[in-house]
């Protein structure tokens, strides 16, 4: 297909700024770590293009635009500043259009645009072309203070470990696509089967990510492979579409978090996905596995909110 570069890292330059000149910028550290992980897993050093080599309006020249059809993958570092950059948004739009002509925007259940969520950004604020793409979250919410903590090495070993682990997840998915794009005839993988891993509440996200990682490492194809639409009618049809070819659906539930409630219904996504799977299990070969997180002391003492009670009643 005439590819010349493997990866373009698209980012807002302000996100490279550090509070200490002796600390390496976050983008540079991400770039360096990603290159090392991809090299070790792929066996080849990837050609990574960073747009810090471009100057001013040069991005919009025909010479620069002509490079996008020769690019295999785009890595977008999503931050509030990224969304304000016309330059960054143009990179997403241009690559999206080019990818459709060079093998498609998705290959083997994976999008060729990798959405790196460095900081929280509302879904509706993200570039329209990538809203439905699943992202790699580089931050977590402190359960006590509810403050957001980014995966920065200077925040200590816990966040350092989370940074490296998440970059490793990105690298594994990138290598899968690089192999496919480099040698389409010989690198197609055979899936052991399709599994629906239900979206869950925020407090169980890390558990879900671990399960997804292990299933994919074992050779299973995991759905959903895009962000579900939080409008009841569309949500239901999308879930059914993903489940129809699956042999197993896995559901994680925390009794203290009812989960997100899509519009036009009072039921949370946790409840809805379970009900859809239960309905489909009677018409197709779909088994269900439900795991309920242990209740905390507040729940055991009966000090639950109305929202908590609804999920408890449902699970019982």
Protein backbone atom coordinates (compact mmCIF):
# COMPACT_ATOMS: atom_id res chain seq x y z
CA UNK A 1 0.00 0.00 0.00
CA UNK A 2 3.04 2.29 -0.15
CA UNK A 3 3.35 2.91 3.60
CA UNK A 4 6.45 4.86 4.66
CA UNK A 5 5.78 5.71 8.32
CA UNK A 6 4.36 3.34 10.92
CA UNK A 7 2.95 5.77 13.50
CA UNK A 8 2.17 9.46 13.81
CA UNK A 9 1.83 10.78 17.36
CA UNK A 10 -0.59 13.70 17.23
CA UNK A 11 -0.56 15.99 20.28
CA UNK A 12 -0.84 19.54 21.52
CA UNK A 13 2.61 20.97 22.23
CA UNK A 14 1.50 22.52 25.51
CA UNK A 15 1.02 19.00 26.91
CA UNK A 16 4.78 18.44 26.70
CA UNK A 17 5.48 21.23 29.22
CA UNK A 18 6.77 20.07 32.63
CA UNK A 19 6.84 21.78 36.03
CA UNK A 20 10.51 20.86 36.43
CA UNK A 21 13.05 21.28 33.62
CA UNK A 22 14.81 18.13 34.90
CA UNK A 23 11.69 16.02 34.25
CA UNK A 24 11.19 14.59 30.78
CA UNK A 25 8.02 15.77 29.04
CA UNK A 26 5.04 13.38 29.19
CA UNK A 27 4.73 13.14 25.40
CA UNK A 28 8.45 12.39 24.99
CA UNK A 29 8.31 9.71 27.70
CA UNK A 30 5.24 8.15 26.08
CA UNK A 31 6.93 8.20 22.66
CA UNK A 32 10.16 6.68 24.02
CA UNK A 33 8.35 3.95 25.99
CA UNK A 34 5.98 3.08 23.15
CA UNK A 35 8.87 2.73 20.71
CA UNK A 36 10.75 0.41 23.08
CA UNK A 37 7.71 -1.80 23.74
CA UNK A 38 6.68 -2.00 20.10
CA UNK A 39 10.24 -2.84 19.04
CA UNK A 40 10.52 -5.71 21.53
CA UNK A 41 7.11 -7.17 20.61
CA UNK A 42 7.32 -6.65 16.85
CA UNK A 43 11.00 -7.40 16.32
CA UNK A 44 11.40 -4.22 14.26
CA UNK A 45 11.97 -0.62 15.27
CA UNK A 46 8.86 1.34 14.26
CA UNK A 47 9.14 4.54 12.26
CA UNK A 48 7.39 7.04 14.52
CA UNK A 49 6.66 10.52 13.23
CA UNK A 50 6.11 13.32 15.74
CA UNK A 51 4.61 16.53 14.44
CA UNK A 52 7.15 18.63 16.35
CA UNK A 53 9.13 18.39 13.12
CA UNK A 54 6.52 20.49 11.36
CA UNK A 55 6.42 24.25 11.58
CA UNK A 56 3.46 26.59 11.52
CA UNK A 57 1.18 26.32 8.51
CA UNK A 58 3.46 23.76 6.82
CA UNK A 59 1.00 21.11 8.02
CA UNK A 60 -1.58 22.29 5.54
CA UNK A 61 0.69 22.20 2.49
CA UNK A 62 0.13 19.51 -0.18
CA UNK A 63 3.55 18.03 0.65
CA UNK A 64 2.56 17.35 4.27
CA UNK A 65 -0.98 16.21 3.46
CA UNK A 66 0.40 13.73 0.95
CA UNK A 67 2.16 11.86 3.79
CA UNK A 68 -1.06 10.68 5.45
CA UNK A 69 -1.93 7.95 2.89
CA UNK A 70 1.57 6.55 3.57
CA UNK A 71 0.91 6.28 7.32
CA UNK A 72 -0.20 3.05 9.02
CA UNK A 73 -1.45 4.27 12.40
CA UNK A 74 -2.37 7.50 14.20
CA UNK A 75 -1.93 7.94 17.95
CA UNK A 76 -3.91 10.93 19.26
CA UNK A 77 -3.08 12.27 22.74
CA UNK A 78 -6.46 13.65 23.81
CA UNK A 79 -6.43 16.57 26.26
CA UNK A 80 -8.44 19.79 26.67
CA UNK A 81 -5.74 21.66 24.74
CA UNK A 82 -5.80 19.09 21.93
CA UNK A 83 -9.46 19.85 21.33
CA UNK A 84 -8.69 23.55 20.86
CA UNK A 85 -6.05 22.90 18.21
CA UNK A 86 -7.24 23.17 14.60
CA UNK A 87 -3.93 21.54 13.65
CA UNK A 88 -4.65 18.44 15.76
CA UNK A 89 -8.23 18.14 14.58
CA UNK A 90 -7.06 18.40 10.96
CA UNK A 91 -4.62 15.54 11.56
CA UNK A 92 -7.46 13.30 12.75
CA UNK A 93 -9.72 14.23 9.84
CA UNK A 94 -6.97 13.81 7.23
CA UNK A 95 -5.80 10.45 8.54
CA UNK A 96 -9.37 9.16 8.85
CA UNK A 97 -10.06 9.93 5.21
CA UNK A 98 -6.72 8.48 4.07
CA UNK A 99 -7.16 5.27 6.10
CA UNK A 100 -10.43 4.51 4.38
CA UNK A 101 -8.48 4.26 1.13
CA UNK A 102 -5.60 2.18 2.54
CA UNK A 103 -7.12 -0.90 4.13
CA UNK A 104 -9.94 0.65 6.16
CA UNK A 105 -10.13 2.48 9.47
CA UNK A 106 -10.46 -0.81 11.42
CA UNK A 107 -8.58 -4.09 11.03
CA UNK A 108 -9.18 -7.28 13.06
CA UNK A 109 -11.50 -5.58 15.52
CA UNK A 110 -9.01 -2.74 16.19
CA UNK A 111 -9.15 0.87 15.00
CA UNK A 112 -6.10 2.32 13.26
CA UNK A 113 -6.56 5.48 15.34
CA UNK A 114 -5.38 5.01 18.93
CA UNK A 115 -7.12 7.37 21.33
CA UNK A 116 -4.86 8.14 24.31
CA UNK A 117 -6.88 9.82 27.07
CA UNK A 118 -4.17 11.67 28.99
CA UNK A 119 -6.74 13.68 30.96
CA UNK A 120 -10.55 13.47 31.26
CA UNK A 121 -12.38 14.90 28.25
CA UNK A 122 -16.13 14.69 27.73
CA UNK A 123 -17.05 12.36 24.89
CA UNK A 124 -19.14 14.94 23.05
CA UNK A 125 -16.14 17.32 23.01
CA UNK A 126 -13.85 14.83 21.26
CA UNK A 127 -13.35 14.97 17.47
CA UNK A 128 -16.45 13.46 15.90
CA UNK A 129 -14.52 10.91 13.85
CA UNK A 130 -13.05 9.23 16.95
CA UNK A 131 -15.87 9.50 19.50
CA UNK A 132 -16.86 5.90 19.01
CA UNK A 133 -13.31 4.55 19.31
CA UNK A 134 -12.37 2.98 22.63
CA UNK A 135 -9.61 4.90 24.40
CA UNK A 136 -6.66 4.04 26.62
CA UNK A 137 -7.11 5.89 29.92
CA UNK A 138 -3.96 7.37 31.47
CA UNK A 139 -5.57 8.64 34.67
CA UNK A 140 -7.67 7.37 37.55
CA UNK A 141 -10.00 8.85 40.13
CA UNK A 142 -8.93 8.78 43.76
CA UNK A 143 -11.71 6.84 45.54
CA UNK A 144 -11.50 9.05 48.64
CA UNK A 145 -10.97 12.59 47.35
CA UNK A 146 -12.57 11.98 43.91
CA UNK A 147 -9.70 13.95 42.40
CA UNK A 148 -8.24 12.88 39.06
CA UNK A 149 -4.63 11.68 39.06
CA UNK A 150 -2.75 11.32 35.78
CA UNK A 151 -0.31 8.47 35.23
CA UNK A 152 2.81 10.59 35.73
CA UNK A 153 6.08 9.05 36.80
CA UNK A 154 6.75 11.85 39.27
CA UNK A 155 3.61 10.89 41.25
CA UNK A 156 5.24 7.76 42.64
CA UNK A 157 5.59 4.06 41.93
CA UNK A 158 1.86 3.29 41.73
CA UNK A 159 1.36 5.78 38.90
CA UNK A 160 4.66 4.84 37.29
CA UNK A 161 3.53 1.19 37.14
CA UNK A 162 0.13 2.20 35.72
CA UNK A 163 1.83 4.33 33.06
CA UNK A 164 4.08 1.51 31.86
CA UNK A 165 1.28 -1.07 32.01
CA UNK A 166 -1.07 1.08 29.93
CA UNK A 167 1.61 1.91 27.34
CA UNK A 168 2.25 -1.83 27.12
CA UNK A 169 -1.47 -2.37 26.34
CA UNK A 170 -1.25 0.24 23.58
CA UNK A 171 1.93 -1.37 22.21
CA UNK A 172 0.37 -4.85 22.03
CA UNK A 173 -2.58 -3.57 20.00
CA UNK A 174 -0.30 -1.51 17.77
CA UNK A 175 1.90 -4.53 17.01
CA UNK A 176 -1.18 -6.56 16.02
CA UNK A 177 -2.07 -3.95 13.39
CA UNK A 178 1.51 -3.35 12.24
CA UNK A 179 1.87 -7.06 11.50
CA UNK A 180 -1.42 -7.10 9.63
CA UNK A 181 -0.59 -4.01 7.57
CA UNK A 182 3.00 -5.10 6.87
CA UNK A 183 2.05 -8.56 5.62
CA UNK A 184 -1.72 -8.93 5.11
CA UNK A 185 -1.48 -12.40 3.56
CA UNK A 186 0.37 -14.16 6.36
CA UNK A 187 -0.50 -12.34 9.57
CA UNK A 188 -4.26 -12.83 9.85
CA UNK A 189 -5.01 -14.34 13.25
CA UNK A 190 -7.67 -16.95 13.95
CA UNK A 191 -9.85 -16.05 16.92
CA UNK A 192 -10.65 -18.72 19.51
CA UNK A 193 -14.10 -17.22 19.81
CA UNK A 194 -16.06 -14.04 20.46
CA UNK A 195 -16.89 -12.85 23.97
CA UNK A 196 -19.04 -9.91 25.05
CA UNK A 197 -17.46 -8.18 28.06
CA UNK A 198 -20.15 -5.85 29.35
CA UNK A 199 -19.47 -2.22 30.13
CA UNK A 200 -19.61 -1.66 33.87
CA UNK A 201 -19.40 1.03 36.53
CA UNK A 202 -16.32 3.21 36.91
CA UNK A 203 -15.17 1.52 40.13
CA UNK A 204 -14.80 -1.82 38.30
CA UNK A 205 -13.06 -0.45 35.21
CA UNK A 206 -9.62 -1.74 36.22
CA UNK A 207 -11.03 -5.23 36.78
CA UNK A 208 -12.72 -5.13 33.38
CA UNK A 209 -9.54 -3.91 31.67
CA UNK A 210 -7.58 -6.79 33.24
CA UNK A 211 -10.11 -9.36 32.05
CA UNK A 212 -10.15 -7.86 28.55
CA UNK A 213 -6.35 -7.95 28.40
CA UNK A 214 -6.19 -11.59 29.47
CA UNK A 215 -8.93 -12.70 27.06
CA UNK A 216 -7.22 -11.01 24.12
CA UNK A 217 -3.86 -12.48 25.14
CA UNK A 218 -5.50 -15.91 24.99
CA UNK A 219 -6.70 -15.25 21.45
CA UNK A 220 -10.33 -14.28 21.97
CA UNK A 221 -12.08 -11.41 20.21
CA UNK A 222 -13.70 -9.11 22.78
CA UNK A 223 -16.75 -6.92 22.20
CA UNK A 224 -17.90 -4.18 22.32
CA UNK A 225 -15.02 -2.73 20.31
CA UNK A 226 -16.41 0.81 20.32
CA UNK A 227 -18.10 3.18 22.75
CA UNK A 228 -21.80 2.40 23.08
CA UNK A 229 -24.40 5.09 22.37
CA UNK A 230 -26.08 6.17 25.61
CA UNK A 231 -29.56 6.50 24.12
CA UNK A 232 -31.82 3.58 25.03
CA UNK A 233 -33.00 2.47 21.56
CA UNK A 234 -29.55 2.75 19.99
CA UNK A 235 -27.85 1.25 23.04
CA UNK A 236 -30.06 -1.82 22.94
CA UNK A 237 -29.61 -2.42 19.21
CA UNK A 238 -25.83 -1.95 19.42
CA UNK A 239 -25.50 -4.41 22.31
CA UNK A 240 -27.63 -6.98 20.48
CA UNK A 241 -25.47 -6.52 17.39
CA UNK A 242 -22.29 -7.21 19.33
CA UNK A 243 -23.76 -10.16 21.24
CA UNK A 244 -25.28 -11.97 18.26
CA UNK A 245 -22.09 -13.82 17.30
CA UNK A 246 -20.75 -14.27 20.86
CA UNK A 247 -20.78 -17.54 22.78
CA UNK A 248 -20.31 -15.93 26.21
CA UNK A 249 -21.19 -12.65 27.89
CA UNK A 250 -19.38 -11.55 31.06
CA UNK A 251 -21.00 -9.06 33.45
CA UNK A 252 -19.32 -7.28 36.38
CA UNK A 253 -21.50 -5.53 38.95
CA UNK A 254 -20.70 -3.47 42.05
CA UNK A 255 -23.60 -3.31 44.48
CA UNK A 256 -22.69 0.26 45.45
CA UNK A 257 -22.77 1.75 41.95
CA UNK A 258 -25.90 1.44 39.85
CA UNK A 259 -24.07 2.50 36.71
CA UNK A 260 -24.83 5.00 33.94
CA UNK A 261 -28.47 5.29 32.91
CA UNK A 262 -29.03 5.90 29.16
CA UNK A 263 -31.70 8.37 28.10
CA UNK A 264 -35.35 7.23 27.84
CA UNK A 265 -35.02 4.53 30.53
CA UNK A 266 -34.54 4.21 34.27
CA UNK A 267 -32.34 1.12 33.99
CA UNK A 268 -28.56 1.33 34.06
CA UNK A 269 -26.24 -0.08 31.42
CA UNK A 270 -25.36 -2.90 33.86
CA UNK A 271 -28.99 -3.99 34.08
CA UNK A 272 -29.75 -3.49 30.39
CA UNK A 273 -26.80 -5.54 29.14
CA UNK A 274 -27.69 -8.37 31.50
CA UNK A 275 -31.32 -8.35 30.37
CA UNK A 276 -30.36 -8.34 26.68
CA UNK A 277 -27.97 -11.26 27.22
CA UNK A 278 -30.63 -13.19 29.16
CA UNK A 279 -33.11 -12.65 26.34
CA UNK A 280 -30.66 -13.71 23.63
CA UNK A 281 -29.57 -16.80 25.57
CA UNK A 282 -32.98 -18.31 24.88
CA UNK A 283 -32.60 -17.96 21.10
CA UNK A 284 -28.87 -18.51 20.55
CA UNK A 285 -25.98 -20.37 22.13
CA UNK A 286 -25.01 -17.54 24.52
CA UNK A 287 -23.91 -18.31 28.07
CA UNK A 288 -23.69 -15.68 30.84
CA UNK A 289 -21.10 -15.24 33.56
CA UNK A 290 -22.03 -12.72 36.28
CA UNK A 291 -19.59 -11.55 38.94
CA UNK A 292 -20.79 -9.37 41.82
CA UNK A 293 -18.19 -7.38 43.75
CA UNK A 294 -18.21 -7.86 47.55
CA UNK A 295 -20.26 -5.22 49.37
CA UNK A 296 -18.47 -2.63 51.49
CA UNK A 297 -19.22 -1.90 55.15
CA UNK A 298 -21.62 0.91 54.23
CA UNK A 299 -23.73 -1.47 52.19
CA UNK A 300 -23.58 -4.20 54.83
CA UNK A 301 -24.79 -1.73 57.45
CA UNK A 302 -27.76 -0.82 55.30
CA UNK A 303 -26.61 2.75 54.63
CA UNK A 304 -27.33 2.67 50.92
CA UNK A 305 -28.59 5.39 48.65
CA UNK A 306 -31.73 4.93 46.54
CA UNK A 307 -29.50 4.29 43.54
CA UNK A 308 -27.58 1.58 45.38
CA UNK A 309 -30.82 -0.06 46.54
CA UNK A 310 -32.12 -0.38 43.00
CA UNK A 311 -29.10 -2.40 41.92
CA UNK A 312 -29.17 -4.50 45.10
CA UNK A 313 -32.82 -5.35 44.45
CA UNK A 314 -32.05 -6.24 40.85
CA UNK A 315 -29.10 -8.44 41.74
CA UNK A 316 -31.08 -10.22 44.41
